[in-house]
Amino acid sequence: MIDLQIRREDGTLEVCAKRGVAWGPELAGLDQSVFPMLGHLLPYADTVFNHRQVSTLLAEVPRLPPGVLTDEFTRELIELGQAVLDGPHLYLWFVGD
């Protein structure tokens, strides 16, 4: 399971999503040349996106093949991503197991 969080520049946790995303073949099989942000997630490591990267990430979400993310996780991802874009010195963290 990969959890989603917003953290401040100093690493302080601001928000933790209610749902995570399960690591499976759909997510693991994303073509990194087509989905450069989500295609680089790992199930065992943290991945951090800054303000500019979150913009690219959010542009990928509507193009994802069905079944990669649940509707609930997608809604939270968009909500938390927008919060990062709206706030100063915030980062979107995908936290692996």
PDB file of N, CA and C in Angstrom:
ATOM      1  N   MET A   1       0.841  -1.179   0.000  1.00  0.00           N
ATOM      2  CA  MET A   1       0.000   0.000   0.000  1.00  0.00           C
ATOM      3  C   MET A   1       0.888   1.245   0.000  1.00  0.00           C
ATOM      4  N   ILE A   2       0.514   2.201  -0.800  1.00  0.00           N
ATOM      5  CA  ILE A   2       1.205   3.484  -0.835  1.00  0.00           C
ATOM      6  C   ILE A   2       0.242   4.536  -0.304  1.00  0.00           C
ATOM      7  N   ASP A   3       0.669   5.228   0.745  1.00  0.00           N
ATOM      8  CA  ASP A   3      -0.154   6.270   1.338  1.00  0.00           C
ATOM      9  C   ASP A   3       0.189   7.626   0.730  1.00  0.00           C
ATOM     10  N   LEU A   4      -0.720   8.570   0.892  1.00  0.00           N
ATOM     11  CA  LEU A   4      -0.563   9.906   0.320  1.00  0.00           C
ATOM     12  C   LEU A   4      -0.621  10.929   1.447  1.00  0.00           C
ATOM     13  N   GLN A   5       0.332  11.864   1.443  1.00  0.00           N
ATOM     14  CA  GLN A   5       0.408  12.885   2.493  1.00  0.00           C
ATOM     15  C   GLN A   5       0.808  14.228   1.902  1.00  0.00           C
ATOM     16  N   ILE A   6       0.478  15.268   2.644  1.00  0.00           N
ATOM     17  CA  ILE A   6       1.044  16.592   2.389  1.00  0.00           C
ATOM     18  C   ILE A   6       1.962  16.892   3.557  1.00  0.00           C
ATOM     19  N   ARG A   7       3.179  17.321   3.220  1.00  0.00           N
ATOM     20  CA  ARG A   7       4.133  17.714   4.254  1.00  0.00           C
ATOM     21  C   ARG A   7       4.693  19.091   3.932  1.00  0.00           C
ATOM     22  N   ARG A   8       5.104  19.766   4.982  1.00  0.00           N
ATOM     23  CA  ARG A   8       5.757  21.071   4.837  1.00  0.00           C
ATOM     24  C   ARG A   8       7.212  20.879   4.434  1.00  0.00           C
ATOM     25  N   GLU A   9       7.842  21.983   4.131  1.00  0.00           N
ATOM     26  CA  GLU A   9       9.243  21.980   3.717  1.00  0.00           C
ATOM     27  C   GLU A   9      10.160  21.297   4.745  1.00  0.00           C
ATOM     28  N   ASP A  10       9.838  21.440   6.021  1.00  0.00           N
ATOM     29  CA  ASP A  10      10.659  20.835   7.077  1.00  0.00           C
ATOM     30  C   ASP A  10      10.264  19.386   7.378  1.00  0.00           C
ATOM     31  N   GLY A  11       9.327  18.831   6.603  1.00  0.00           N
ATOM     32  CA  GLY A  11       8.903  17.449   6.781  1.00  0.00           C
ATOM     33  C   GLY A  11       7.708  17.256   7.689  1.00  0.00           C
ATOM     34  N   THR A  12       7.216  18.328   8.287  1.00  0.00           N
ATOM     35  CA  THR A  12       6.056  18.242   9.172  1.00  0.00           C
ATOM     36  C   THR A  12       4.822  17.776   8.386  1.00  0.00           C
ATOM     37  N   LEU A  13       4.158  16.765   8.919  1.00  0.00           N
ATOM     38  CA  LEU A  13       2.954  16.227   8.297  1.00  0.00           C
ATOM     39  C   LEU A  13       1.801  17.202   8.459  1.00  0.00           C
ATOM     40  N   GLU A  14       1.171  17.560   7.361  1.00  0.00           N
ATOM     41  CA  GLU A  14       0.017  18.461   7.375  1.00  0.00           C
ATOM     42  C   GLU A  14      -1.295  17.700   7.224  1.00  0.00           C
ATOM     43  N   VAL A  15      -1.342  16.800   6.233  1.00  0.00           N
ATOM     44  CA  VAL A  15      -2.568  16.061   5.932  1.00  0.00           C
ATOM     45  C   VAL A  15      -2.181  14.649   5.494  1.00  0.00           C
ATOM     46  N   CYS A  16      -2.960  13.690   5.930  1.00  0.00           N
ATOM     47  CA  CYS A  16      -2.779  12.313   5.504  1.00  0.00           C
ATOM     48  C   CYS A  16      -4.084  11.857   4.841  1.00  0.00           C
ATOM     49  N   ALA A  17      -3.993  11.326   3.642  1.00  0.00           N
ATOM     50  CA  ALA A  17      -5.193  10.854   2.941  1.00  0.00           C
ATOM     51  C   ALA A  17      -5.843   9.713   3.718  1.00  0.00           C
ATOM     52  N   LYS A  18      -7.137   9.592   3.573  1.00  0.00           N
ATOM     53  CA  LYS A  18      -7.870   8.523   4.244  1.00  0.00           C
ATOM     54  C   LYS A  18      -7.620   7.169   3.592  1.00  0.00           C
ATOM     55  N   ARG A  19      -7.292   7.199   2.310  1.00  0.00           N
ATOM     56  CA  ARG A  19      -7.087   5.970   1.553  1.00  0.00           C
ATOM     57  C   ARG A  19      -5.710   5.971   0.923  1.00  0.00           C
ATOM     58  N   GLY A  20      -5.174   4.788   0.748  1.00  0.00           N
ATOM     59  CA  GLY A  20      -3.938   4.634   0.002  1.00  0.00           C
ATOM     60  C   GLY A  20      -4.248   3.989  -1.340  1.00  0.00           C
ATOM     61  N   VAL A  21      -3.194   3.749  -2.088  1.00  0.00           N
ATOM     62  CA  VAL A  21      -3.351   3.063  -3.359  1.00  0.00           C
ATOM     63  C   VAL A  21      -2.602   1.742  -3.264  1.00  0.00           C
ATOM     64  N   ALA A  22      -3.264   0.684  -3.667  1.00  0.00           N
ATOM     65  CA  ALA A  22      -2.638  -0.636  -3.632  1.00  0.00           C
ATOM     66  C   ALA A  22      -1.645  -0.763  -4.783  1.00  0.00           C
ATOM     67  N   TRP A  23      -0.488  -1.334  -4.486  1.00  0.00           N
ATOM     68  CA  TRP A  23       0.498  -1.595  -5.517  1.00  0.00           C
ATOM     69  C   TRP A  23       0.082  -2.873  -6.231  1.00  0.00           C
ATOM     70  N   GLY A  24      -0.086  -2.777  -7.523  1.00  0.00           N
ATOM     71  CA  GLY A  24      -0.472  -3.941  -8.311  1.00  0.00           C
ATOM     72  C   GLY A  24       0.046  -3.806  -9.719  1.00  0.00           C
ATOM     73  N   PRO A  25      -0.292  -4.761 -10.570  1.00  0.00           N
ATOM     74  CA  PRO A  25       0.238  -4.765 -11.931  1.00  0.00           C
ATOM     75  C   PRO A  25      -0.170  -3.544 -12.752  1.00  0.00           C
ATOM     76  N   GLU A  26      -1.336  -2.984 -12.477  1.00  0.00           N
ATOM     77  CA  GLU A  26      -1.783  -1.810 -13.238  1.00  0.00           C
ATOM     78  C   GLU A  26      -0.868  -0.617 -12.976  1.00  0.00           C
ATOM     79  N   LEU A  27      -0.564  -0.371 -11.709  1.00  0.00           N
ATOM     80  CA  LEU A  27       0.307   0.743 -11.344  1.00  0.00           C
ATOM     81  C   LEU A  27       1.760   0.437 -11.709  1.00  0.00           C
ATOM     82  N   ALA A  28       2.194  -0.768 -11.455  1.00  0.00           N
ATOM     83  CA  ALA A  28       3.573  -1.167 -11.764  1.00  0.00           C
ATOM     84  C   ALA A  28       3.847  -1.140 -13.260  1.00  0.00           C
ATOM     85  N   GLY A  29       2.820  -1.361 -14.054  1.00  0.00           N
ATOM     86  CA  GLY A  29       2.994  -1.457 -15.500  1.00  0.00           C
ATOM     87  C   GLY A  29       2.836  -0.160 -16.261  1.00  0.00           C
ATOM     88  N   LEU A  30       2.669   0.954 -15.552  1.00  0.00           N
ATOM     89  CA  LEU A  30       2.523   2.228 -16.268  1.00  0.00           C
ATOM     90  C   LEU A  30       3.782   2.545 -17.074  1.00  0.00           C
ATOM     91  N   ASP A  31       3.588   2.989 -18.277  1.00  0.00           N
ATOM     92  CA  ASP A  31       4.696   3.390 -19.141  1.00  0.00           C
ATOM     93  C   ASP A  31       5.248   4.721 -18.642  1.00  0.00           C
ATOM     94  N   GLN A  32       6.491   4.727 -18.199  1.00  0.00           N
ATOM     95  CA  GLN A  32       7.092   5.930 -17.621  1.00  0.00           C
ATOM     96  C   GLN A  32       7.247   7.049 -18.643  1.00  0.00           C
ATOM     97  N   SER A  33       7.292   6.733 -19.907  1.00  0.00           N
ATOM     98  CA  SER A  33       7.391   7.790 -20.915  1.00  0.00           C
ATOM     99  C   SER A  33       6.050   8.481 -21.130  1.00  0.00           C
ATOM    100  N   VAL A  34       4.962   7.807 -20.818  1.00  0.00           N
ATOM    101  CA  VAL A  34       3.617   8.375 -20.961  1.00  0.00           C
ATOM    102  C   VAL A  34       3.144   8.980 -19.638  1.00  0.00           C
ATOM    103  N   PHE A  35       3.510   8.343 -18.528  1.00  0.00           N
ATOM    104  CA  PHE A  35       3.124   8.778 -17.188  1.00  0.00           C
ATOM    105  C   PHE A  35       4.386   8.979 -16.353  1.00  0.00           C
ATOM    106  N   PRO A  36       5.133  10.054 -16.604  1.00  0.00           N
ATOM    107  CA  PRO A  36       6.426  10.223 -15.938  1.00  0.00           C
ATOM    108  C   PRO A  36       6.342  10.399 -14.426  1.00  0.00           C
ATOM    109  N   MET A  37       5.237  10.872 -13.905  1.00  0.00           N
ATOM    110  CA  MET A  37       5.126  11.060 -12.460  1.00  0.00           C
ATOM    111  C   MET A  37       4.679   9.764 -11.781  1.00  0.00           C
ATOM    112  N   LEU A  38       3.506   9.286 -12.113  1.00  0.00           N
ATOM    113  CA  LEU A  38       3.007   8.069 -11.475  1.00  0.00           C
ATOM    114  C   LEU A  38       3.801   6.844 -11.889  1.00  0.00           C
ATOM    115  N   GLY A  39       4.411   6.881 -13.044  1.00  0.00           N
ATOM    116  CA  GLY A  39       5.206   5.753 -13.508  1.00  0.00           C
ATOM    117  C   GLY A  39       6.484   5.543 -12.726  1.00  0.00           C
ATOM    118  N   HIS A  40       6.861   6.504 -11.909  1.00  0.00           N
ATOM    119  CA  HIS A  40       8.080   6.382 -11.116  1.00  0.00           C
ATOM    120  C   HIS A  40       7.830   6.032  -9.650  1.00  0.00           C
ATOM    121  N   LEU A  41       6.586   5.786  -9.282  1.00  0.00           N
ATOM    122  CA  LEU A  41       6.312   5.368  -7.903  1.00  0.00           C
ATOM    123  C   LEU A  41       6.886   3.980  -7.652  1.00  0.00           C
ATOM    124  N   LEU A  42       7.294   3.753  -6.409  1.00  0.00           N
ATOM    125  CA  LEU A  42       7.790   2.450  -5.979  1.00  0.00           C
ATOM    126  C   LEU A  42       7.017   2.032  -4.728  1.00  0.00           C
ATOM    127  N   PRO A  43       6.737   0.737  -4.567  1.00  0.00           N
ATOM    128  CA  PRO A  43       5.958   0.299  -3.419  1.00  0.00           C
ATOM    129  C   PRO A  43       6.730   0.336  -2.107  1.00  0.00           C
ATOM    130  N   TYR A  44       8.045   0.394  -2.163  1.00  0.00           N
ATOM    131  CA  TYR A  44       8.868   0.302  -0.960  1.00  0.00           C
ATOM    132  C   TYR A  44       9.648   1.578  -0.661  1.00  0.00           C
ATOM    133  N   ALA A  45       9.356   2.649  -1.369  1.00  0.00           N
ATOM    134  CA  ALA A  45      10.101   3.892  -1.158  1.00  0.00           C
ATOM    135  C   ALA A  45       9.148   5.081  -1.196  1.00  0.00           C
ATOM    136  N   ASP A  46       9.577   6.174  -0.596  1.00  0.00           N
ATOM    137  CA  ASP A  46       8.791   7.405  -0.640  1.00  0.00           C
ATOM    138  C   ASP A  46       9.136   8.173  -1.910  1.00  0.00           C
ATOM    139  N   THR A  47       8.125   8.828  -2.467  1.00  0.00           N
ATOM    140  CA  THR A  47       8.308   9.685  -3.633  1.00  0.00           C
ATOM    141  C   THR A  47       7.702  11.035  -3.297  1.00  0.00           C
ATOM    142  N   VAL A  48       8.462  12.097  -3.503  1.00  0.00           N
ATOM    143  CA  VAL A  48       8.040  13.442  -3.115  1.00  0.00           C
ATOM    144  C   VAL A  48       7.914  14.307  -4.361  1.00  0.00           C
ATOM    145  N   PHE A  49       6.788  15.018  -4.452  1.00  0.00           N
ATOM    146  CA  PHE A  49       6.550  15.928  -5.566  1.00  0.00           C
ATOM    147  C   PHE A  49       6.456  17.358  -5.055  1.00  0.00           C
ATOM    148  N   ASN A  50       7.177  18.247  -5.735  1.00  0.00           N
ATOM    149  CA  ASN A  50       7.091  19.669  -5.391  1.00  0.00           C
ATOM    150  C   ASN A  50       5.965  20.323  -6.192  1.00  0.00           C
ATOM    151  N   HIS A  51       5.808  21.606  -6.025  1.00  0.00           N
ATOM    152  CA  HIS A  51       4.718  22.357  -6.649  1.00  0.00           C
ATOM    153  C   HIS A  51       4.657  22.126  -8.164  1.00  0.00           C
ATOM    154  N   ARG A  52       5.764  22.261  -8.842  1.00  0.00           N
ATOM    155  CA  ARG A  52       5.778  22.112 -10.301  1.00  0.00           C
ATOM    156  C   ARG A  52       5.485  20.672 -10.722  1.00  0.00           C
ATOM    157  N   GLN A  53       5.999  19.733  -9.974  1.00  0.00           N
ATOM    158  CA  GLN A  53       5.762  18.332 -10.307  1.00  0.00           C
ATOM    159  C   GLN A  53       4.314  17.933 -10.059  1.00  0.00           C
ATOM    160  N   VAL A  54       3.690  18.522  -9.051  1.00  0.00           N
ATOM    161  CA  VAL A  54       2.284  18.218  -8.769  1.00  0.00           C
ATOM    162  C   VAL A  54       1.415  18.641  -9.947  1.00  0.00           C
ATOM    163  N   SER A  55       1.732  19.751 -10.586  1.00  0.00           N
ATOM    164  CA  SER A  55       0.970  20.185 -11.764  1.00  0.00           C
ATOM    165  C   SER A  55       1.019  19.115 -12.857  1.00  0.00           C
ATOM    166  N   THR A  56       2.195  18.576 -13.102  1.00  0.00           N
ATOM    167  CA  THR A  56       2.351  17.520 -14.108  1.00  0.00           C
ATOM    168  C   THR A  56       1.619  16.258 -13.680  1.00  0.00           C
ATOM    169  N   LEU A  57       1.729  15.915 -12.417  1.00  0.00           N
ATOM    170  CA  LEU A  57       1.039  14.747 -11.879  1.00  0.00           C
ATOM    171  C   LEU A  57      -0.466  14.856 -12.080  1.00  0.00           C
ATOM    172  N   LEU A  58      -1.032  15.993 -11.740  1.00  0.00           N
ATOM    173  CA  LEU A  58      -2.488  16.164 -11.870  1.00  0.00           C
ATOM    174  C   LEU A  58      -2.935  16.117 -13.329  1.00  0.00           C
ATOM    175  N   ALA A  59      -2.075  16.507 -14.250  1.00  0.00           N
ATOM    176  CA  ALA A  59      -2.411  16.413 -15.676  1.00  0.00           C
ATOM    177  C   ALA A  59      -2.425  14.962 -16.160  1.00  0.00           C
ATOM    178  N   GLU A  60      -1.677  14.093 -15.485  1.00  0.00           N
ATOM    179  CA  GLU A  60      -1.654  12.670 -15.841  1.00  0.00           C
ATOM    180  C   GLU A  60      -2.924  11.938 -15.417  1.00  0.00           C
ATOM    181  N   VAL A  61      -3.496  12.350 -14.317  1.00  0.00           N
ATOM    182  CA  VAL A  61      -4.586  11.587 -13.697  1.00  0.00           C
ATOM    183  C   VAL A  61      -5.755  11.321 -14.652  1.00  0.00           C
ATOM    184  N   PRO A  62      -6.266  12.317 -15.383  1.00  0.00           N
ATOM    185  CA  PRO A  62      -7.400  12.023 -16.270  1.00  0.00           C
ATOM    186  C   PRO A  62      -7.072  11.078 -17.428  1.00  0.00           C
ATOM    187  N   ARG A  63      -5.797  10.909 -17.736  1.00  0.00           N
ATOM    188  CA  ARG A  63      -5.388  10.049 -18.853  1.00  0.00           C
ATOM    189  C   ARG A  63      -5.094   8.619 -18.424  1.00  0.00           C
ATOM    190  N   LEU A  64      -5.171   8.338 -17.140  1.00  0.00           N
ATOM    191  CA  LEU A  64      -4.842   6.993 -16.652  1.00  0.00           C
ATOM    192  C   LEU A  64      -5.815   5.949 -17.192  1.00  0.00           C
ATOM    193  N   PRO A  65      -5.298   4.761 -17.501  1.00  0.00           N
ATOM    194  CA  PRO A  65      -6.197   3.676 -17.894  1.00  0.00           C
ATOM    195  C   PRO A  65      -7.110   3.298 -16.728  1.00  0.00           C
ATOM    196  N   PRO A  66      -8.291   2.788 -17.023  1.00  0.00           N
ATOM    197  CA  PRO A  66      -9.200   2.356 -15.953  1.00  0.00           C
ATOM    198  C   PRO A  66      -8.539   1.310 -15.065  1.00  0.00           C
ATOM    199  N   GLY A  67      -8.826   1.399 -13.768  1.00  0.00           N
ATOM    200  CA  GLY A  67      -8.367   0.397 -12.820  1.00  0.00           C
ATOM    201  C   GLY A  67      -7.016   0.658 -12.189  1.00  0.00           C
ATOM    202  N   VAL A  68      -6.303   1.694 -12.634  1.00  0.00           N
ATOM    203  CA  VAL A  68      -5.004   1.987 -12.022  1.00  0.00           C
ATOM    204  C   VAL A  68      -5.209   2.569 -10.630  1.00  0.00           C
ATOM    205  N   LEU A  69      -6.120   3.514 -10.505  1.00  0.00           N
ATOM    206  CA  LEU A  69      -6.453   4.135  -9.217  1.00  0.00           C
ATOM    207  C   LEU A  69      -7.937   3.980  -8.965  1.00  0.00           C
ATOM    208  N   THR A  70      -8.322   3.830  -7.714  1.00  0.00           N
ATOM    209  CA  THR A  70      -9.744   3.810  -7.387  1.00  0.00           C
ATOM    210  C   THR A  70     -10.305   5.218  -7.490  1.00  0.00           C
ATOM    211  N   ASP A  71     -11.603   5.323  -7.656  1.00  0.00           N
ATOM    212  CA  ASP A  71     -12.246   6.635  -7.720  1.00  0.00           C
ATOM    213  C   ASP A  71     -12.019   7.422  -6.439  1.00  0.00           C
ATOM    214  N   GLU A  72     -12.088   6.743  -5.295  1.00  0.00           N
ATOM    215  CA  GLU A  72     -11.907   7.409  -4.006  1.00  0.00           C
ATOM    216  C   GLU A  72     -10.489   7.972  -3.876  1.00  0.00           C
ATOM    217  N   PHE A  73      -9.490   7.168  -4.251  1.00  0.00           N
ATOM    218  CA  PHE A  73      -8.112   7.634  -4.161  1.00  0.00           C
ATOM    219  C   PHE A  73      -7.872   8.772  -5.154  1.00  0.00           C
ATOM    220  N   THR A  74      -8.439   8.660  -6.334  1.00  0.00           N
ATOM    221  CA  THR A  74      -8.286   9.714  -7.336  1.00  0.00           C
ATOM    222  C   THR A  74      -8.828  11.036  -6.816  1.00  0.00           C
ATOM    223  N   ARG A  75      -9.990  11.011  -6.188  1.00  0.00           N
ATOM    224  CA  ARG A  75     -10.561  12.246  -5.626  1.00  0.00           C
ATOM    225  C   ARG A  75      -9.637  12.850  -4.572  1.00  0.00           C
ATOM    226  N   GLU A  76      -9.104  12.013  -3.685  1.00  0.00           N
ATOM    227  CA  GLU A  76      -8.193  12.523  -2.655  1.00  0.00           C
ATOM    228  C   GLU A  76      -6.885  13.032  -3.257  1.00  0.00           C
ATOM    229  N   LEU A  77      -6.380  12.335  -4.255  1.00  0.00           N
ATOM    230  CA  LEU A  77      -5.156  12.768  -4.922  1.00  0.00           C
ATOM    231  C   LEU A  77      -5.339  14.150  -5.540  1.00  0.00           C
ATOM    232  N   ILE A  78      -6.436  14.358  -6.214  1.00  0.00           N
ATOM    233  CA  ILE A  78      -6.710  15.659  -6.825  1.00  0.00           C
ATOM    234  C   ILE A  78      -6.879  16.729  -5.747  1.00  0.00           C
ATOM    235  N   GLU A  79      -7.601  16.401  -4.694  1.00  0.00           N
ATOM    236  CA  GLU A  79      -7.829  17.352  -3.603  1.00  0.00           C
ATOM    237  C   GLU A  79      -6.512  17.739  -2.912  1.00  0.00           C
ATOM    238  N   LEU A  80      -5.707  16.749  -2.571  1.00  0.00           N
ATOM    239  CA  LEU A  80      -4.444  17.037  -1.896  1.00  0.00           C
ATOM    240  C   LEU A  80      -3.452  17.705  -2.845  1.00  0.00           C
ATOM    241  N   GLY A  81      -3.452  17.299  -4.090  1.00  0.00           N
ATOM    242  CA  GLY A  81      -2.592  17.955  -5.072  1.00  0.00           C
ATOM    243  C   GLY A  81      -2.940  19.426  -5.219  1.00  0.00           C
ATOM    244  N   GLN A  82      -4.220  19.724  -5.261  1.00  0.00           N
ATOM    245  CA  GLN A  82      -4.641  21.124  -5.366  1.00  0.00           C
ATOM    246  C   GLN A  82      -4.261  21.906  -4.115  1.00  0.00           C
ATOM    247  N   ALA A  83      -4.337  21.273  -2.961  1.00  0.00           N
ATOM    248  CA  ALA A  83      -3.921  21.933  -1.715  1.00  0.00           C
ATOM    249  C   ALA A  83      -2.434  22.288  -1.750  1.00  0.00           C
ATOM    250  N   VAL A  84      -1.616  21.397  -2.315  1.00  0.00           N
ATOM    251  CA  VAL A  84      -0.190  21.689  -2.461  1.00  0.00           C
ATOM    252  C   VAL A  84       0.000  22.885  -3.391  1.00  0.00           C
ATOM    253  N   LEU A  85      -0.737  22.921  -4.477  1.00  0.00           N
ATOM    254  CA  LEU A  85      -0.627  24.035  -5.421  1.00  0.00           C
ATOM    255  C   LEU A  85      -1.074  25.357  -4.804  1.00  0.00           C
ATOM    256  N   ASP A  86      -2.018  25.284  -3.882  1.00  0.00           N
ATOM    257  CA  ASP A  86      -2.578  26.499  -3.274  1.00  0.00           C
ATOM    258  C   ASP A  86      -1.774  27.016  -2.084  1.00  0.00           C
ATOM    259  N   GLY A  87      -0.890  26.204  -1.533  1.00  0.00           N
ATOM    260  CA  GLY A  87      -0.176  26.607  -0.320  1.00  0.00           C
ATOM    261  C   GLY A  87       1.312  26.786  -0.555  1.00  0.00           C
ATOM    262  N   PRO A  88       1.940  27.573   0.298  1.00  0.00           N
ATOM    263  CA  PRO A  88       3.386  27.774   0.155  1.00  0.00           C
ATOM    264  C   PRO A  88       4.188  26.660   0.830  1.00  0.00           C
ATOM    265  N   HIS A  89       5.269  26.251   0.191  1.00  0.00           N
ATOM    266  CA  HIS A  89       6.239  25.316   0.765  1.00  0.00           C
ATOM    267  C   HIS A  89       5.620  23.983   1.181  1.00  0.00           C
ATOM    268  N   LEU A  90       4.721  23.470   0.339  1.00  0.00           N
ATOM    269  CA  LEU A  90       4.092  22.178   0.599  1.00  0.00           C
ATOM    270  C   LEU A  90       4.547  21.166  -0.445  1.00  0.00           C
ATOM    271  N   TYR A  91       4.577  19.903  -0.028  1.00  0.00           N
ATOM    272  CA  TYR A  91       5.012  18.821  -0.903  1.00  0.00           C
ATOM    273  C   TYR A  91       4.025  17.666  -0.800  1.00  0.00           C
ATOM    274  N   LEU A  92       3.801  16.986  -1.910  1.00  0.00           N
ATOM    275  CA  LEU A  92       2.941  15.814  -1.938  1.00  0.00           C
ATOM    276  C   LEU A  92       3.827  14.576  -1.848  1.00  0.00           C
ATOM    277  N   TRP A  93       3.599  13.788  -0.821  1.00  0.00           N
ATOM    278  CA  TRP A  93       4.414  12.591  -0.565  1.00  0.00           C
ATOM    279  C   TRP A  93       3.590  11.331  -0.829  1.00  0.00           C
ATOM    280  N   PHE A  94       4.144  10.424  -1.611  1.00  0.00           N
ATOM    281  CA  PHE A  94       3.628   9.067  -1.732  1.00  0.00           C
ATOM    282  C   PHE A  94       4.538   8.236  -0.827  1.00  0.00           C
ATOM    283  N   VAL A  95       3.983   7.664   0.207  1.00  0.00           N
ATOM    284  CA  VAL A  95       4.766   6.950   1.223  1.00  0.00           C
ATOM    285  C   VAL A  95       4.595   5.455   1.041  1.00  0.00           C
ATOM    286  N   GLY A  96       5.683   4.784   0.628  1.00  0.00           N
ATOM    287  CA  GLY A  96       5.654   3.338   0.426  1.00  0.00           C
ATOM    288  C   GLY A  96       5.742   2.585   1.734  1.00  0.00           C
ATOM    289  N   ASP A  97       5.498   1.298   1.663  1.00  0.00           N
ATOM    290  CA  ASP A  97       5.571   0.436   2.859  1.00  0.00           C
ATOM    291  C   ASP A  97       6.930   0.451   3.486  1.00  0.00           C
TER     292      ASP A  97
END
